[in-house]
N, C-alpha and C. Protein backbone atom coordinates (compact mmCIF):
# COMPACT_ATOMS: atom_id res chain seq x y z
N MET A 1 -159.22 101.83 24.71
CA MET A 1 -160.47 101.83 23.96
C MET A 1 -161.31 100.60 24.29
N ILE A 2 -160.70 99.41 24.24
CA ILE A 2 -161.45 98.19 24.55
C ILE A 2 -161.94 98.25 25.99
N TYR A 3 -161.04 98.66 26.90
CA TYR A 3 -161.41 98.72 28.32
C TYR A 3 -162.62 99.63 28.53
N GLU A 4 -162.61 100.80 27.94
CA GLU A 4 -163.70 101.74 28.13
C GLU A 4 -165.02 101.17 27.58
N THR A 5 -164.94 100.53 26.44
CA THR A 5 -166.13 99.93 25.84
C THR A 5 -166.68 98.82 26.75
N VAL A 6 -165.78 97.96 27.24
CA VAL A 6 -166.19 96.87 28.12
C VAL A 6 -166.79 97.44 29.41
N ALA A 7 -166.14 98.41 30.01
CA ALA A 7 -166.64 99.01 31.25
C ALA A 7 -168.03 99.60 31.05
N ASN A 8 -168.24 100.27 29.94
CA ASN A 8 -169.55 100.86 29.65
C ASN A 8 -170.62 99.79 29.42
N MET A 9 -170.24 98.70 28.74
CA MET A 9 -171.18 97.62 28.50
C MET A 9 -171.58 96.95 29.81
N ILE A 10 -170.60 96.72 30.68
CA ILE A 10 -170.88 96.11 31.98
C ILE A 10 -171.73 97.04 32.83
N ALA A 11 -171.40 98.32 32.82
CA ALA A 11 -172.15 99.30 33.60
C ALA A 11 -173.61 99.33 33.15
N LYS A 12 -173.82 99.33 31.85
CA LYS A 12 -175.19 99.36 31.32
C LYS A 12 -175.95 98.10 31.72
N GLN A 13 -175.32 96.94 31.57
CA GLN A 13 -175.97 95.67 31.88
C GLN A 13 -176.31 95.56 33.37
N LEU A 14 -175.40 96.00 34.22
CA LEU A 14 -175.59 95.84 35.66
C LEU A 14 -176.15 97.10 36.34
N LYS A 15 -176.44 98.12 35.52
CA LYS A 15 -176.97 99.39 36.03
C LYS A 15 -176.05 99.99 37.10
N LEU A 16 -174.77 100.10 36.72
CA LEU A 16 -173.74 100.67 37.59
C LEU A 16 -173.14 101.90 36.92
N ASN A 17 -172.38 102.66 37.68
CA ASN A 17 -171.64 103.79 37.15
C ASN A 17 -170.34 103.25 36.54
N ALA A 18 -170.08 103.56 35.29
CA ALA A 18 -168.87 103.05 34.62
C ALA A 18 -167.60 103.48 35.34
N ALA A 19 -167.62 104.60 36.02
CA ALA A 19 -166.45 105.07 36.75
C ALA A 19 -166.10 104.16 37.93
N ASP A 20 -167.07 103.39 38.40
CA ASP A 20 -166.84 102.47 39.52
C ASP A 20 -166.27 101.13 39.07
N ILE A 21 -166.19 100.92 37.77
CA ILE A 21 -165.69 99.65 37.23
C ILE A 21 -164.21 99.79 36.92
N THR A 22 -163.41 98.94 37.56
CA THR A 22 -161.97 98.94 37.36
C THR A 22 -161.53 97.55 36.91
N PRO A 23 -160.35 97.43 36.31
CA PRO A 23 -159.91 96.13 35.79
C PRO A 23 -159.86 95.01 36.84
N ASP A 24 -159.64 95.36 38.09
CA ASP A 24 -159.52 94.32 39.11
C ASP A 24 -160.86 93.91 39.73
N LYS A 25 -161.94 94.55 39.34
CA LYS A 25 -163.25 94.20 39.89
C LYS A 25 -163.67 92.82 39.39
N ARG A 26 -164.10 91.99 40.32
CA ARG A 26 -164.60 90.66 39.97
C ARG A 26 -166.07 90.78 39.57
N LEU A 27 -166.42 90.14 38.47
CA LEU A 27 -167.76 90.28 37.92
C LEU A 27 -168.84 89.83 38.89
N ILE A 28 -168.65 88.68 39.53
CA ILE A 28 -169.67 88.14 40.40
C ILE A 28 -169.57 88.71 41.81
N GLU A 29 -168.39 88.60 42.41
CA GLU A 29 -168.23 88.99 43.81
C GLU A 29 -168.32 90.50 44.04
N ASP A 30 -167.71 91.28 43.17
CA ASP A 30 -167.66 92.73 43.38
C ASP A 30 -168.79 93.48 42.67
N LEU A 31 -169.12 93.05 41.45
CA LEU A 31 -170.12 93.77 40.66
C LEU A 31 -171.50 93.12 40.75
N HIS A 32 -171.57 91.96 41.40
CA HIS A 32 -172.83 91.26 41.66
C HIS A 32 -173.56 90.82 40.40
N ALA A 33 -172.79 90.41 39.40
CA ALA A 33 -173.39 89.86 38.18
C ALA A 33 -173.83 88.43 38.47
N ASP A 34 -174.93 88.02 37.88
CA ASP A 34 -175.33 86.62 37.99
C ASP A 34 -175.09 85.95 36.63
N SER A 35 -175.40 84.67 36.55
CA SER A 35 -175.10 83.93 35.32
C SER A 35 -175.84 84.51 34.11
N ALA A 36 -177.05 84.98 34.30
CA ALA A 36 -177.78 85.58 33.18
C ALA A 36 -177.10 86.87 32.72
N ASN A 37 -176.65 87.70 33.68
CA ASN A 37 -175.93 88.93 33.32
C ASN A 37 -174.68 88.59 32.52
N ILE A 38 -173.96 87.57 32.97
CA ILE A 38 -172.70 87.20 32.31
C ILE A 38 -172.98 86.75 30.87
N MET A 39 -174.02 85.95 30.68
CA MET A 39 -174.33 85.47 29.34
C MET A 39 -174.71 86.62 28.41
N VAL A 40 -175.48 87.57 28.91
CA VAL A 40 -175.85 88.74 28.09
C VAL A 40 -174.60 89.55 27.76
N MET A 41 -173.72 89.74 28.74
CA MET A 41 -172.48 90.49 28.49
C MET A 41 -171.63 89.79 27.44
N ILE A 42 -171.54 88.46 27.53
CA ILE A 42 -170.75 87.70 26.56
C ILE A 42 -171.32 87.88 25.16
N MET A 43 -172.63 87.77 25.03
CA MET A 43 -173.26 87.94 23.71
C MET A 43 -173.04 89.36 23.18
N ASP A 44 -173.16 90.37 24.04
CA ASP A 44 -172.92 91.75 23.63
C ASP A 44 -171.47 91.94 23.16
N MET A 45 -170.53 91.34 23.90
CA MET A 45 -169.11 91.46 23.52
C MET A 45 -168.82 90.76 22.21
N GLU A 46 -169.44 89.59 22.02
CA GLU A 46 -169.25 88.88 20.75
C GLU A 46 -169.74 89.74 19.59
N ASP A 47 -170.89 90.35 19.75
CA ASP A 47 -171.44 91.20 18.69
C ASP A 47 -170.60 92.46 18.49
N ASN A 48 -170.26 93.13 19.59
CA ASN A 48 -169.56 94.41 19.52
C ASN A 48 -168.14 94.26 18.99
N PHE A 49 -167.44 93.19 19.39
CA PHE A 49 -166.03 93.02 19.01
C PHE A 49 -165.82 91.98 17.92
N ASN A 50 -166.92 91.41 17.41
CA ASN A 50 -166.86 90.42 16.33
C ASN A 50 -165.93 89.26 16.68
N ILE A 51 -166.14 88.70 17.87
CA ILE A 51 -165.37 87.55 18.32
C ILE A 51 -166.34 86.47 18.77
N THR A 52 -165.80 85.27 19.02
CA THR A 52 -166.56 84.19 19.60
C THR A 52 -165.89 83.82 20.91
N VAL A 53 -166.66 83.83 21.98
CA VAL A 53 -166.12 83.44 23.28
C VAL A 53 -166.44 81.96 23.46
N GLU A 54 -165.39 81.16 23.57
CA GLU A 54 -165.57 79.72 23.73
C GLU A 54 -166.19 79.43 25.09
N ASP A 55 -167.07 78.43 25.15
CA ASP A 55 -167.76 78.09 26.39
C ASP A 55 -166.79 77.81 27.53
N ASP A 56 -165.70 77.10 27.24
CA ASP A 56 -164.76 76.76 28.31
C ASP A 56 -163.96 77.97 28.79
N ALA A 57 -163.96 79.05 28.04
CA ALA A 57 -163.24 80.27 28.45
C ALA A 57 -164.07 81.12 29.39
N ILE A 58 -165.37 80.96 29.37
CA ILE A 58 -166.25 81.82 30.18
C ILE A 58 -165.91 81.73 31.66
N ASN A 59 -165.62 80.54 32.16
CA ASN A 59 -165.30 80.38 33.58
C ASN A 59 -164.01 81.07 33.98
N ASN A 60 -163.15 81.37 33.02
CA ASN A 60 -161.89 82.05 33.31
C ASN A 60 -162.01 83.57 33.27
N LEU A 61 -163.17 84.07 32.88
CA LEU A 61 -163.39 85.51 32.81
C LEU A 61 -163.98 85.97 34.14
N ARG A 62 -163.11 86.12 35.11
CA ARG A 62 -163.56 86.44 36.46
C ARG A 62 -163.55 87.94 36.76
N THR A 63 -162.62 88.67 36.15
CA THR A 63 -162.52 90.10 36.42
C THR A 63 -162.75 90.88 35.12
N VAL A 64 -162.95 92.17 35.28
CA VAL A 64 -163.10 93.04 34.11
C VAL A 64 -161.82 92.96 33.27
N GLY A 65 -160.67 92.94 33.94
CA GLY A 65 -159.39 92.82 33.23
C GLY A 65 -159.28 91.53 32.44
N ASP A 66 -159.80 90.42 32.99
CA ASP A 66 -159.79 89.14 32.26
C ASP A 66 -160.58 89.27 30.96
N VAL A 67 -161.71 89.94 31.02
CA VAL A 67 -162.55 90.12 29.84
C VAL A 67 -161.80 90.93 28.78
N VAL A 68 -161.17 92.02 29.21
CA VAL A 68 -160.43 92.88 28.28
C VAL A 68 -159.29 92.09 27.64
N LYS A 69 -158.54 91.35 28.43
CA LYS A 69 -157.41 90.56 27.89
C LYS A 69 -157.91 89.52 26.89
N TYR A 70 -159.03 88.89 27.19
CA TYR A 70 -159.58 87.90 26.27
C TYR A 70 -159.94 88.54 24.93
N ILE A 71 -160.60 89.68 24.99
CA ILE A 71 -160.98 90.37 23.75
C ILE A 71 -159.74 90.76 22.97
N GLU A 72 -158.74 91.33 23.64
CA GLU A 72 -157.51 91.73 22.96
C GLU A 72 -156.82 90.55 22.28
N ALA A 73 -156.85 89.39 22.93
CA ALA A 73 -156.18 88.21 22.39
C ALA A 73 -156.95 87.57 21.24
N HIS A 74 -158.24 87.85 21.14
CA HIS A 74 -159.07 87.15 20.13
C HIS A 74 -159.63 88.05 19.05
N GLN A 75 -159.17 89.28 18.99
CA GLN A 75 -159.64 90.17 17.91
C GLN A 75 -158.83 89.96 16.66
C-alpha cells in the first residue's frame, strides 16, 4: 500500500508512468528528479503519511525503496 502510494506520487510529480517506477530506481539518476522535485515529494509525503522527514535524512533517500522504508519506519 505505501509503495503504491509513493510510486503514484512520484509518477505524478515527475510526469512518469507509475508502472515504470520500481523500488530500486534512483530518484535523481534514474527518474531524473531535481532538488525542487525532491522537496515537493517530501512535502507531499509528509502531508499524505502524517510524518516529518528530518532534513538530515533527505540525503539518504536515494531510491524509491529508501523512501518507502523511511515512511514505514516513521509512521
